[in-house]
C-alpha cells in the first residue's frame, strides 16, 4: 500500500445510493420473484470511486448529497476512511438494487432517481468544491446529479481548474459540450453505450472522433465491458486495453466495475504514472472488483493478480 500523498483526491459524487444485492434462481418478469439478500452497503458512482481510491491508502474528500439520513450516510463514508462534505436534498439517499439471476448468469440493476436538490444546495456545493479543490491533487466528477441542481454552474466553476479533472458522468459530459472552456488537464471517461448516446453516433470510433474535435487536448477513454477499453490521447494512436477472460464458472458482478476503474486510474495518476499506465491500472482494479458482491470492493491480492492479466495493443487512431 502506498503512503498518503500530501493532497487528497476530490470526488464529486452528487447522487449517492444505498446498495442492496440480491440473488434469485430465475428472474421472470410479470411473476413474483423470491430473492435472497446477499449484501448491503453504501454506493453510488461517487462513493464507489472514492472508496476505490481510499483502498490504496490515498486520502479522499467526497462531496455528495445528503438528506434526513445524513448522519447514517456520513458514518458509512467515515467507516471507509472518507472525508465528507454535503449539500442538502429533499429526502433520504436513494436505493439501488442489484439482482443476480442464477439461471441466466445475468445481473440486473434497478436504480431510483432519488430526491431533488433542496433550496440553497447549489451554493453550498459550489463553496465546498472551491474550498476543497484548492487543496486537492485531482478532481473526479462521478455519476448523475439530483433533480433540480444547475449542473451548468458547477461545470463553469470547474472549467478553471488546473489540476487533473476526470469526468465519469453522462450529464456532466453533456454539459461540457456547451462550455466555451473546459479544464486544461481533462480526462473524459464513459462506457461505450454512453459515448454513442451522448454524441448520437452509431459506433464508438465516430463518437470518439467527435469528442476529439471538440476537446483536442483531452484524454478520452471508453470502457467496453468484457472487450476491455479504448484509450485516445492527444496526438497519439489509440490504444486497445484488454484482459484475460474470467474462468467460465466464476461468479461475476460487473456493477460498479467502471467506478473501480476510475478509482484505480486516479490512484495511478496521483503516483505519477502515464495516462496509459493509469488506464491499465484502472482496468486491473475494475477486473478485481467484478469478483465481489458489492460494487468497487476488491482486495490488493485480487488487484495484483488482475494486473498480470491486463495489457494493451496499438490501434490506428
C-alpha atoms as a PDB file:
ATOM      1  CA  UNK A   1       0.000   0.000   0.000  1.00  0.00           C
ATOM      2  CA  UNK A   2       1.350   3.415  -0.960  1.00  0.00           C
ATOM      3  CA  UNK A   3       1.920   6.230   1.527  1.00  0.00           C
ATOM      4  CA  UNK A   4      -0.672   9.004   1.672  1.00  0.00           C
ATOM      5  CA  UNK A   5       0.245  11.934  -0.591  1.00  0.00           C
ATOM      6  CA  UNK A   6       0.093  15.436   0.847  1.00  0.00           C
ATOM      7  CA  UNK A   7      -3.064  16.290  -1.066  1.00  0.00           C
ATOM      8  CA  UNK A   8      -6.299  14.279  -1.331  1.00  0.00           C
ATOM      9  CA  UNK A   9      -8.322  13.260  -4.355  1.00  0.00           C
ATOM     10  CA  UNK A  10     -11.558  15.242  -4.503  1.00  0.00           C
ATOM     11  CA  UNK A  11     -14.610  13.288  -5.684  1.00  0.00           C
ATOM     12  CA  UNK A  12     -17.891  14.937  -6.619  1.00  0.00           C
ATOM     13  CA  UNK A  13     -20.409  12.124  -6.241  1.00  0.00           C
ATOM     14  CA  UNK A  14     -23.542  14.214  -6.179  1.00  0.00           C
ATOM     15  CA  UNK A  15     -26.137  11.419  -6.212  1.00  0.00           C
ATOM     16  CA  UNK A  16     -25.272   8.730  -3.615  1.00  0.00           C
ATOM     17  CA  UNK A  17     -27.162   5.478  -3.071  1.00  0.00           C
ATOM     18  CA  UNK A  18     -27.638   2.649  -0.638  1.00  0.00           C
ATOM     19  CA  UNK A  19     -26.825  -0.584  -2.464  1.00  0.00           C
ATOM     20  CA  UNK A  20     -28.675  -3.869  -1.996  1.00  0.00           C
ATOM     21  CA  UNK A  21     -27.564  -7.038  -3.783  1.00  0.00           C
ATOM     22  CA  UNK A  22     -29.985  -9.980  -4.000  1.00  0.00           C
ATOM     23  CA  UNK A  23     -29.923 -13.320  -5.787  1.00  0.00           C
ATOM     24  CA  UNK A  24     -32.750 -15.365  -7.346  1.00  0.00           C
ATOM     25  CA  UNK A  25     -32.930 -18.696  -9.149  1.00  0.00           C
ATOM     26  CA  UNK A  26     -34.729 -17.153 -12.128  1.00  0.00           C
ATOM     27  CA  UNK A  27     -35.862 -13.598 -12.895  1.00  0.00           C
ATOM     28  CA  UNK A  28     -39.251 -13.897 -14.612  1.00  0.00           C
ATOM     29  CA  UNK A  29     -40.852 -10.529 -15.455  1.00  0.00           C
ATOM     30  CA  UNK A  30     -44.532 -10.376 -14.507  1.00  0.00           C
ATOM     31  CA  UNK A  31     -44.197 -13.028 -11.795  1.00  0.00           C
ATOM     32  CA  UNK A  32     -43.447 -12.954  -8.073  1.00  0.00           C
ATOM     33  CA  UNK A  33     -39.693 -13.431  -7.731  1.00  0.00           C
ATOM     34  CA  UNK A  34     -38.301 -14.593  -4.408  1.00  0.00           C
ATOM     35  CA  UNK A  35     -34.825 -13.359  -3.669  1.00  0.00           C
ATOM     36  CA  UNK A  36     -32.145 -13.870  -1.041  1.00  0.00           C
ATOM     37  CA  UNK A  37     -30.235 -10.876   0.309  1.00  0.00           C
ATOM     38  CA  UNK A  38     -26.500 -11.183  -0.358  1.00  0.00           C
ATOM     39  CA  UNK A  39     -25.079  -7.800   0.653  1.00  0.00           C
ATOM     40  CA  UNK A  40     -25.951  -4.218   1.553  1.00  0.00           C
ATOM     41  CA  UNK A  41     -23.883  -1.067   1.879  1.00  0.00           C
ATOM     42  CA  UNK A  42     -23.219   2.471   0.728  1.00  0.00           C
ATOM     43  CA  UNK A  43     -22.760   3.011  -3.011  1.00  0.00           C
ATOM     44  CA  UNK A  44     -23.374   5.376  -5.913  1.00  0.00           C
ATOM     45  CA  UNK A  45     -20.708   6.198  -8.503  1.00  0.00           C
ATOM     46  CA  UNK A  46     -19.095   8.859  -6.340  1.00  0.00           C
ATOM     47  CA  UNK A  47     -18.892   6.706  -3.234  1.00  0.00           C
ATOM     48  CA  UNK A  48     -17.697   3.688  -5.221  1.00  0.00           C
ATOM     49  CA  UNK A  49     -14.944   5.722  -6.869  1.00  0.00           C
ATOM     50  CA  UNK A  50     -13.904   7.359  -3.604  1.00  0.00           C
ATOM     51  CA  UNK A  51     -13.792   4.014  -1.848  1.00  0.00           C
ATOM     52  CA  UNK A  52     -11.630   2.528  -4.601  1.00  0.00           C
ATOM     53  CA  UNK A  53      -9.138   5.387  -4.274  1.00  0.00           C
ATOM     54  CA  UNK A  54      -9.050   5.151  -0.490  1.00  0.00           C
ATOM     55  CA  UNK A  55      -8.428   1.386  -0.636  1.00  0.00           C
ATOM     56  CA  UNK A  56      -4.919   2.219  -1.905  1.00  0.00           C
ATOM     57  CA  UNK A  57      -4.227   4.495   1.067  1.00  0.00           C
ATOM     58  CA  UNK A  58      -4.837   7.742  -0.814  1.00  0.00           C
ATOM     59  CA  UNK A  59      -6.861  10.346   1.152  1.00  0.00           C
ATOM     60  CA  UNK A  60     -10.215  11.292  -0.353  1.00  0.00           C
ATOM     61  CA  UNK A  61     -12.750  14.069   0.116  1.00  0.00           C
ATOM     62  CA  UNK A  62     -16.227  13.066  -1.091  1.00  0.00           C
ATOM     63  CA  UNK A  63     -18.722  15.838  -1.861  1.00  0.00           C
ATOM     64  CA  UNK A  64     -22.227  14.407  -2.105  1.00  0.00           C
ATOM     65  CA  UNK A  65     -25.880  14.975  -1.337  1.00  0.00           C
ATOM     66  CA  UNK A  66     -27.490  14.004   1.966  1.00  0.00           C
ATOM     67  CA  UNK A  67     -30.931  14.382   3.483  1.00  0.00           C
ATOM     68  CA  UNK A  68     -32.603  13.231   6.717  1.00  0.00           C
ATOM     69  CA  UNK A  69     -30.257  10.228   6.870  1.00  0.00           C
ATOM     70  CA  UNK A  70     -27.132  12.409   6.637  1.00  0.00           C
ATOM     71  CA  UNK A  71     -25.709  11.060   9.906  1.00  0.00           C
ATOM     72  CA  UNK A  72     -26.066   7.472   8.709  1.00  0.00           C
ATOM     73  CA  UNK A  73     -24.550   8.284   5.326  1.00  0.00           C
ATOM     74  CA  UNK A  74     -21.669  10.191   6.927  1.00  0.00           C
ATOM     75  CA  UNK A  75     -20.968   7.238   9.230  1.00  0.00           C
ATOM     76  CA  UNK A  76     -20.842   4.870   6.236  1.00  0.00           C
ATOM     77  CA  UNK A  77     -18.376   7.170   4.475  1.00  0.00           C
ATOM     78  CA  UNK A  78     -16.160   7.609   7.504  1.00  0.00           C
ATOM     79  CA  UNK A  79     -16.095   3.853   8.066  1.00  0.00           C
ATOM     80  CA  UNK A  80     -14.327   3.709   4.697  1.00  0.00           C
ATOM     81  CA  UNK A  81     -11.926   6.489   5.721  1.00  0.00           C
ATOM     82  CA  UNK A  82     -13.517   9.191   3.557  1.00  0.00           C
ATOM     83  CA  UNK A  83     -13.729  12.862   4.473  1.00  0.00           C
ATOM     84  CA  UNK A  84     -17.151  14.249   3.586  1.00  0.00           C
ATOM     85  CA  UNK A  85     -18.794  17.499   2.518  1.00  0.00           C
ATOM     86  CA  UNK A  86     -22.555  17.519   1.996  1.00  0.00           C
ATOM     87  CA  UNK A  87     -25.171  19.626   0.264  1.00  0.00           C
ATOM     88  CA  UNK A  88     -28.893  19.133   1.059  1.00  0.00           C
ATOM     89  CA  UNK A  89     -31.567  17.133  -0.780  1.00  0.00           C
ATOM     90  CA  UNK A  90     -35.299  16.930  -0.071  1.00  0.00           C
ATOM     91  CA  UNK A  91     -35.377  13.325   1.072  1.00  0.00           C
ATOM     92  CA  UNK A  92     -33.276  10.343   2.088  1.00  0.00           C
ATOM     93  CA  UNK A  93     -30.463   8.874  -0.007  1.00  0.00           C
ATOM     94  CA  UNK A  94     -31.913   6.725  -2.822  1.00  0.00           C
ATOM     95  CA  UNK A  95     -31.628   2.944  -3.106  1.00  0.00           C
ATOM     96  CA  UNK A  96     -30.065   0.833  -5.878  1.00  0.00           C
ATOM     97  CA  UNK A  97     -30.861  -2.888  -6.106  1.00  0.00           C
ATOM     98  CA  UNK A  98     -28.721  -5.432  -7.940  1.00  0.00           C
ATOM     99  CA  UNK A  99     -30.466  -8.703  -8.874  1.00  0.00           C
ATOM    100  CA  UNK A 100     -28.325 -11.714  -9.760  1.00  0.00           C
ATOM    101  CA  UNK A 101     -30.223 -14.227 -11.910  1.00  0.00           C
ATOM    102  CA  UNK A 102     -28.503 -17.574 -11.405  1.00  0.00           C
ATOM    103  CA  UNK A 103     -30.220 -19.383 -14.286  1.00  0.00           C
ATOM    104  CA  UNK A 104     -29.264 -16.777 -16.886  1.00  0.00           C
ATOM    105  CA  UNK A 105     -25.966 -15.806 -15.219  1.00  0.00           C
ATOM    106  CA  UNK A 106     -27.143 -12.207 -15.658  1.00  0.00           C
ATOM    107  CA  UNK A 107     -27.094  -9.140 -13.436  1.00  0.00           C
ATOM    108  CA  UNK A 108     -29.871  -6.515 -13.429  1.00  0.00           C
ATOM    109  CA  UNK A 109     -29.539  -3.117 -11.748  1.00  0.00           C
ATOM    110  CA  UNK A 110     -32.611  -1.172 -10.549  1.00  0.00           C
ATOM    111  CA  UNK A 111     -31.749   2.425  -9.643  1.00  0.00           C
ATOM    112  CA  UNK A 112     -34.039   5.050  -8.109  1.00  0.00           C
ATOM    113  CA  UNK A 113     -33.809   8.614  -9.398  1.00  0.00           C
ATOM    114  CA  UNK A 114     -33.628   9.978  -5.859  1.00  0.00           C
ATOM    115  CA  UNK A 115     -34.912  13.192  -4.245  1.00  0.00           C
ATOM    116  CA  UNK A 116     -34.440  16.672  -5.648  1.00  0.00           C
ATOM    117  CA  UNK A 117     -31.843  19.179  -4.511  1.00  0.00           C
ATOM    118  CA  UNK A 118     -33.029  21.360  -1.620  1.00  0.00           C
ATOM    119  CA  UNK A 119     -33.078  25.160  -1.613  1.00  0.00           C
ATOM    120  CA  UNK A 120     -29.546  26.569  -1.452  1.00  0.00           C
ATOM    121  CA  UNK A 121     -27.938  23.251  -2.408  1.00  0.00           C
ATOM    122  CA  UNK A 122     -26.040  24.633  -5.402  1.00  0.00           C
ATOM    123  CA  UNK A 123     -24.416  27.454  -3.419  1.00  0.00           C
ATOM    124  CA  UNK A 124     -23.295  25.006  -0.731  1.00  0.00           C
ATOM    125  CA  UNK A 125     -21.938  22.652  -3.404  1.00  0.00           C
ATOM    126  CA  UNK A 126     -20.029  25.417  -5.211  1.00  0.00           C
ATOM    127  CA  UNK A 127     -18.488  26.672  -1.976  1.00  0.00           C
ATOM    128  CA  UNK A 128     -17.386  23.152  -0.993  1.00  0.00           C
ATOM    129  CA  UNK A 129     -15.870  22.488  -4.418  1.00  0.00           C
ATOM    130  CA  UNK A 130     -13.983  25.798  -4.442  1.00  0.00           C
ATOM    131  CA  UNK A 131     -12.550  25.202  -0.990  1.00  0.00           C
ATOM    132  CA  UNK A 132     -11.639  21.549  -1.444  1.00  0.00           C
ATOM    133  CA  UNK A 133     -10.247  21.801  -4.997  1.00  0.00           C
ATOM    134  CA  UNK A 134      -7.685  24.334  -3.757  1.00  0.00           C
ATOM    135  CA  UNK A 135      -6.086  21.646  -1.573  1.00  0.00           C
ATOM    136  CA  UNK A 136      -6.598  18.592  -3.797  1.00  0.00           C
ATOM    137  CA  UNK A 137      -4.326  16.868  -6.318  1.00  0.00           C
ATOM    138  CA  UNK A 138      -7.162  15.757  -8.611  1.00  0.00           C
ATOM    139  CA  UNK A 139     -10.915  16.094  -9.124  1.00  0.00           C
ATOM    140  CA  UNK A 140     -13.221  13.262 -10.198  1.00  0.00           C
ATOM    141  CA  UNK A 141     -16.821  14.005 -11.204  1.00  0.00           C
ATOM    142  CA  UNK A 142     -18.752  10.739 -10.970  1.00  0.00           C
ATOM    143  CA  UNK A 143     -22.345   9.906 -11.807  1.00  0.00           C
ATOM    144  CA  UNK A 144     -25.594  11.801 -12.038  1.00  0.00           C
ATOM    145  CA  UNK A 145     -26.914  14.816 -10.145  1.00  0.00           C
ATOM    146  CA  UNK A 146     -30.050  15.251  -8.026  1.00  0.00           C
ATOM    147  CA  UNK A 147     -33.012  16.666  -9.969  1.00  0.00           C
ATOM    148  CA  UNK A 148     -33.160  20.442  -9.860  1.00  0.00           C
ATOM    149  CA  UNK A 149     -29.419  21.040  -9.486  1.00  0.00           C
ATOM    150  CA  UNK A 150     -27.939  23.509 -12.024  1.00  0.00           C
ATOM    151  CA  UNK A 151     -25.012  21.454 -13.287  1.00  0.00           C
ATOM    152  CA  UNK A 152     -24.005  24.158 -15.774  1.00  0.00           C
ATOM    153  CA  UNK A 153     -22.900  26.496 -12.983  1.00  0.00           C
ATOM    154  CA  UNK A 154     -20.951  23.734 -11.301  1.00  0.00           C
ATOM    155  CA  UNK A 155     -19.151  22.873 -14.546  1.00  0.00           C
ATOM    156  CA  UNK A 156     -18.415  26.547 -15.205  1.00  0.00           C
ATOM    157  CA  UNK A 157     -16.577  26.691 -11.894  1.00  0.00           C
ATOM    158  CA  UNK A 158     -14.633  23.503 -12.567  1.00  0.00           C
ATOM    159  CA  UNK A 159     -13.538  24.665 -16.021  1.00  0.00           C
ATOM    160  CA  UNK A 160     -10.947  26.994 -14.477  1.00  0.00           C
ATOM    161  CA  UNK A 161      -9.094  24.234 -12.609  1.00  0.00           C
ATOM    162  CA  UNK A 162      -5.511  23.326 -13.499  1.00  0.00           C
ATOM    163  CA  UNK A 163      -5.372  20.065 -11.510  1.00  0.00           C
ATOM    164  CA  UNK A 164      -6.252  16.852 -13.388  1.00  0.00           C
ATOM    165  CA  UNK A 165     -10.019  16.505 -13.830  1.00  0.00           C
ATOM    166  CA  UNK A 166     -11.720  13.184 -14.631  1.00  0.00           C
ATOM    167  CA  UNK A 167     -15.342  13.317 -15.820  1.00  0.00           C
ATOM    168  CA  UNK A 168     -17.152   9.973 -15.442  1.00  0.00           C
ATOM    169  CA  UNK A 169     -20.672  11.346 -15.711  1.00  0.00           C
ATOM    170  CA  UNK A 170     -23.089  11.433 -18.646  1.00  0.00           C
ATOM    171  CA  UNK A 171     -24.866  14.651 -17.577  1.00  0.00           C
ATOM    172  CA  UNK A 172     -21.530  16.348 -16.911  1.00  0.00           C
ATOM    173  CA  UNK A 173     -20.194  15.333 -20.340  1.00  0.00           C
ATOM    174  CA  UNK A 174     -23.365  16.664 -21.952  1.00  0.00           C
ATOM    175  CA  UNK A 175     -22.796  19.896 -20.051  1.00  0.00           C
ATOM    176  CA  UNK A 176     -19.157  20.086 -21.145  1.00  0.00           C
ATOM    177  CA  UNK A 177     -20.309  20.185 -24.753  1.00  0.00           C
ATOM    178  CA  UNK A 178     -21.976  23.527 -24.067  1.00  0.00           C
ATOM    179  CA  UNK A 179     -18.985  25.191 -22.406  1.00  0.00           C
ATOM    180  CA  UNK A 180     -16.566  27.513 -24.163  1.00  0.00           C
ATOM    181  CA  UNK A 181     -13.792  26.435 -21.801  1.00  0.00           C
ATOM    182  CA  UNK A 182     -13.013  23.055 -20.226  1.00  0.00           C
ATOM    183  CA  UNK A 183     -10.357  22.057 -17.656  1.00  0.00           C
ATOM    184  CA  UNK A 184      -6.831  22.180 -19.058  1.00  0.00           C
ATOM    185  CA  UNK A 185      -5.957  18.667 -17.839  1.00  0.00           C
ATOM    186  CA  UNK A 186      -9.091  16.725 -18.710  1.00  0.00           C
ATOM    187  CA  UNK A 187      -9.916  13.014 -18.948  1.00  0.00           C
ATOM    188  CA  UNK A 188     -13.394  12.129 -20.210  1.00  0.00           C
ATOM    189  CA  UNK A 189     -14.422   8.550 -19.368  1.00  0.00           C
ATOM    190  CA  UNK A 190     -17.694   6.848 -20.291  1.00  0.00           C
ATOM    191  CA  UNK A 191     -18.712   3.359 -21.289  1.00  0.00           C
ATOM    192  CA  UNK A 192     -19.231   2.533 -24.958  1.00  0.00           C
ATOM    193  CA  UNK A 193     -23.019   2.912 -24.995  1.00  0.00           C
ATOM    194  CA  UNK A 194     -22.791   6.223 -23.141  1.00  0.00           C
ATOM    195  CA  UNK A 195     -20.297   7.612 -25.656  1.00  0.00           C
ATOM    196  CA  UNK A 196     -22.602   6.705 -28.537  1.00  0.00           C
ATOM    197  CA  UNK A 197     -25.642   8.129 -26.752  1.00  0.00           C
ATOM    198  CA  UNK A 198     -24.038  11.446 -25.805  1.00  0.00           C
ATOM    199  CA  UNK A 199     -22.701  12.060 -29.332  1.00  0.00           C
ATOM    200  CA  UNK A 200     -25.640  10.371 -31.108  1.00  0.00           C
ATOM    201  CA  UNK A 201     -23.341   8.151 -33.142  1.00  0.00           C
ATOM    202  CA  UNK A 202     -23.893   4.542 -34.167  1.00  0.00           C
ATOM    203  CA  UNK A 203     -20.318   3.443 -33.473  1.00  0.00           C
ATOM    204  CA  UNK A 204     -17.711   4.220 -30.845  1.00  0.00           C
ATOM    205  CA  UNK A 205     -14.984   5.391 -33.234  1.00  0.00           C
ATOM    206  CA  UNK A 206     -17.241   8.117 -34.606  1.00  0.00           C
ATOM    207  CA  UNK A 207     -18.213   9.249 -31.113  1.00  0.00           C
ATOM    208  CA  UNK A 208     -14.561   9.466 -30.046  1.00  0.00           C
ATOM    209  CA  UNK A 209     -13.726  11.374 -33.226  1.00  0.00           C
ATOM    210  CA  UNK A 210     -16.497  13.884 -32.433  1.00  0.00           C
ATOM    211  CA  UNK A 211     -15.159  14.318 -28.918  1.00  0.00           C
ATOM    212  CA  UNK A 212     -11.595  14.730 -30.192  1.00  0.00           C
ATOM    213  CA  UNK A 213     -12.693  17.604 -32.440  1.00  0.00           C
ATOM    214  CA  UNK A 214     -14.500  19.195 -29.516  1.00  0.00           C
ATOM    215  CA  UNK A 215     -11.747  18.672 -26.931  1.00  0.00           C
ATOM    216  CA  UNK A 216      -8.431  18.325 -28.832  1.00  0.00           C
ATOM    217  CA  UNK A 217      -6.280  18.386 -25.669  1.00  0.00           C
ATOM    218  CA  UNK A 218      -8.321  15.947 -23.584  1.00  0.00           C
ATOM    219  CA  UNK A 219      -7.700  12.257 -22.954  1.00  0.00           C
ATOM    220  CA  UNK A 220     -10.694  10.112 -23.872  1.00  0.00           C
ATOM    221  CA  UNK A 221     -11.477   6.666 -22.522  1.00  0.00           C
ATOM    222  CA  UNK A 222     -14.290   4.240 -23.356  1.00  0.00           C
ATOM    223  CA  UNK A 223     -14.829   1.118 -21.285  1.00  0.00           C
ATOM    224  CA  UNK A 224     -16.306  -1.813 -23.213  1.00  0.00           C
ATOM    225  CA  UNK A 225     -17.091  -4.482 -20.631  1.00  0.00           C
ATOM    226  CA  UNK A 226     -15.545  -7.855 -21.405  1.00  0.00           C
ATOM    227  CA  UNK A 227     -13.927  -6.342 -24.527  1.00  0.00           C
ATOM    228  CA  UNK A 228     -11.725  -4.057 -22.462  1.00  0.00           C
ATOM    229  CA  UNK A 229     -11.368  -0.361 -23.174  1.00  0.00           C
ATOM    230  CA  UNK A 230     -10.287   2.169 -25.793  1.00  0.00           C
ATOM    231  CA  UNK A 231      -7.906   4.965 -24.803  1.00  0.00           C
ATOM    232  CA  UNK A 232      -7.366   8.008 -27.024  1.00  0.00           C
ATOM    233  CA  UNK A 233      -4.710  10.558 -26.082  1.00  0.00           C
ATOM    234  CA  UNK A 234      -3.922  13.847 -27.900  1.00  0.00           C
ATOM    235  CA  UNK A 235      -1.556  13.386 -30.839  1.00  0.00           C
ATOM    236  CA  UNK A 236      -1.180   9.638 -30.372  1.00  0.00           C
ATOM    237  CA  UNK A 237      -2.648   6.454 -31.798  1.00  0.00           C
ATOM    238  CA  UNK A 238      -5.484   4.950 -29.804  1.00  0.00           C
ATOM    239  CA  UNK A 239      -4.742   2.053 -27.503  1.00  0.00           C
ATOM    240  CA  UNK A 240      -6.902  -1.035 -27.066  1.00  0.00           C
ATOM    241  CA  UNK A 241      -6.803  -2.296 -23.478  1.00  0.00           C
ATOM    242  CA  UNK A 242      -7.769  -5.913 -22.917  1.00  0.00           C
ATOM    243  CA  UNK A 243      -7.669  -8.543 -20.186  1.00  0.00           C
ATOM    244  CA  UNK A 244      -7.723 -12.293 -19.904  1.00  0.00           C
ATOM    245  CA  UNK A 245     -11.282 -13.680 -19.670  1.00  0.00           C
ATOM    246  CA  UNK A 246     -12.685 -14.839 -16.357  1.00  0.00           C
ATOM    247  CA  UNK A 247     -12.974 -18.532 -15.640  1.00  0.00           C
ATOM    248  CA  UNK A 248     -16.186 -19.986 -17.018  1.00  0.00           C
ATOM    249  CA  UNK A 249     -17.571 -20.877 -13.575  1.00  0.00           C
ATOM    250  CA  UNK A 250     -16.616 -17.551 -11.928  1.00  0.00           C
ATOM    251  CA  UNK A 251     -19.464 -15.598 -10.304  1.00  0.00           C
ATOM    252  CA  UNK A 252     -19.119 -12.159 -11.879  1.00  0.00           C
ATOM    253  CA  UNK A 253     -20.764  -8.961 -10.632  1.00  0.00           C
ATOM    254  CA  UNK A 254     -19.910  -6.198 -13.130  1.00  0.00           C
ATOM    255  CA  UNK A 255     -21.909  -3.496 -11.324  1.00  0.00           C
ATOM    256  CA  UNK A 256     -19.532  -0.741 -10.230  1.00  0.00           C
ATOM    257  CA  UNK A 257     -16.595  -2.011 -12.291  1.00  0.00           C
ATOM    258  CA  UNK A 258     -16.455   1.306 -14.142  1.00  0.00           C
ATOM    259  CA  UNK A 259     -16.270   3.151 -10.818  1.00  0.00           C
ATOM    260  CA  UNK A 260     -13.442   0.898  -9.666  1.00  0.00           C
ATOM    261  CA  UNK A 261     -11.717   1.636 -12.986  1.00  0.00           C
ATOM    262  CA  UNK A 262     -11.960   5.378 -12.327  1.00  0.00           C
ATOM    263  CA  UNK A 263     -10.625   4.967  -8.814  1.00  0.00           C
ATOM    264  CA  UNK A 264      -7.690   2.865  -9.960  1.00  0.00           C
ATOM    265  CA  UNK A 265      -6.931   5.354 -12.715  1.00  0.00           C
ATOM    266  CA  UNK A 266      -6.945   8.260 -10.250  1.00  0.00           C
ATOM    267  CA  UNK A 267      -4.577   6.475  -7.854  1.00  0.00           C
ATOM    268  CA  UNK A 268      -2.075   5.795 -10.636  1.00  0.00           C
ATOM    269  CA  UNK A 269      -2.157   9.376 -11.924  1.00  0.00           C
ATOM    270  CA  UNK A 270      -1.548  10.657  -8.390  1.00  0.00           C
ATOM    271  CA  UNK A 271       1.562   8.496  -8.062  1.00  0.00           C
ATOM    272  CA  UNK A 272       2.940   9.811 -11.354  1.00  0.00           C
ATOM    273  CA  UNK A 273       2.072   7.065 -13.839  1.00  0.00           C
ATOM    274  CA  UNK A 274       1.477   7.872 -17.502  1.00  0.00           C
ATOM    275  CA  UNK A 275      -2.078   8.031 -18.836  1.00  0.00           C
ATOM    276  CA  UNK A 276      -1.685   4.583 -20.410  1.00  0.00           C
ATOM    277  CA  UNK A 277      -0.211   3.064 -17.248  1.00  0.00           C
ATOM    278  CA  UNK A 278      -3.008   4.621 -15.210  1.00  0.00           C
ATOM    279  CA  UNK A 279      -5.663   3.245 -17.552  1.00  0.00           C
ATOM    280  CA  UNK A 280      -4.181  -0.257 -17.309  1.00  0.00           C
ATOM    281  CA  UNK A 281      -4.164   0.026 -13.518  1.00  0.00           C
ATOM    282  CA  UNK A 282      -7.784   1.128 -13.653  1.00  0.00           C
ATOM    283  CA  UNK A 283      -8.631  -1.920 -15.739  1.00  0.00           C
ATOM    284  CA  UNK A 284      -6.913  -4.241 -13.261  1.00  0.00           C
ATOM    285  CA  UNK A 285      -8.864  -2.729 -10.359  1.00  0.00           C
ATOM    286  CA  UNK A 286     -12.118  -2.988 -12.328  1.00  0.00           C
ATOM    287  CA  UNK A 287     -11.456  -6.634 -13.125  1.00  0.00           C
ATOM    288  CA  UNK A 288     -10.782  -7.400  -9.460  1.00  0.00           C
ATOM    289  CA  UNK A 289     -13.994  -5.650  -8.397  1.00  0.00           C
ATOM    290  CA  UNK A 290     -16.091  -7.971 -10.601  1.00  0.00           C
ATOM    291  CA  UNK A 291     -15.347 -10.815  -8.187  1.00  0.00           C
ATOM    292  CA  UNK A 292     -17.155  -9.143  -5.265  1.00  0.00           C
ATOM    293  CA  UNK A 293     -20.815  -8.849  -4.267  1.00  0.00           C
ATOM    294  CA  UNK A 294     -20.860  -5.078  -3.710  1.00  0.00           C
ATOM    295  CA  UNK A 295     -19.556  -2.536  -6.261  1.00  0.00           C
ATOM    296  CA  UNK A 296     -15.948  -1.304  -6.151  1.00  0.00           C
ATOM    297  CA  UNK A 297     -14.888  -3.813  -3.500  1.00  0.00           C
ATOM    298  CA  UNK A 298     -11.651  -5.724  -4.006  1.00  0.00           C
ATOM    299  CA  UNK A 299      -8.550  -6.940  -2.241  1.00  0.00           C
ATOM    300  CA  UNK A 300      -4.983  -5.952  -3.038  1.00  0.00           C
ATOM    301  CA  UNK A 301      -4.284  -9.606  -3.824  1.00  0.00           C
ATOM    302  CA  UNK A 302      -7.071  -9.618  -6.428  1.00  0.00           C
ATOM    303  CA  UNK A 303      -5.702  -6.410  -7.950  1.00  0.00           C
ATOM    304  CA  UNK A 304      -2.198  -7.898  -8.104  1.00  0.00           C
ATOM    305  CA  UNK A 305      -3.480 -10.979  -9.943  1.00  0.00           C
ATOM    306  CA  UNK A 306      -5.532  -8.839 -12.326  1.00  0.00           C
ATOM    307  CA  UNK A 307      -2.552  -6.582 -13.053  1.00  0.00           C
ATOM    308  CA  UNK A 308      -0.769  -9.544 -14.641  1.00  0.00           C
ATOM    309  CA  UNK A 309      -3.822 -10.229 -16.842  1.00  0.00           C
ATOM    310  CA  UNK A 310      -4.294  -6.812 -18.485  1.00  0.00           C
ATOM    311  CA  UNK A 311      -2.397  -5.474 -21.492  1.00  0.00           C
ATOM    312  CA  UNK A 312      -2.593  -3.019 -24.361  1.00  0.00           C
ATOM    313  CA  UNK A 313      -2.058  -3.125 -28.086  1.00  0.00           C
ATOM    314  CA  UNK A 314      -1.774  -0.200 -30.556  1.00  0.00           C
ATOM    315  CA  UNK A 315      -4.521   0.709 -32.951  1.00  0.00           C
ATOM    316  CA  UNK A 316      -4.537   3.341 -35.659  1.00  0.00           C
ATOM    317  CA  UNK A 317      -6.403   6.437 -34.486  1.00  0.00           C
END
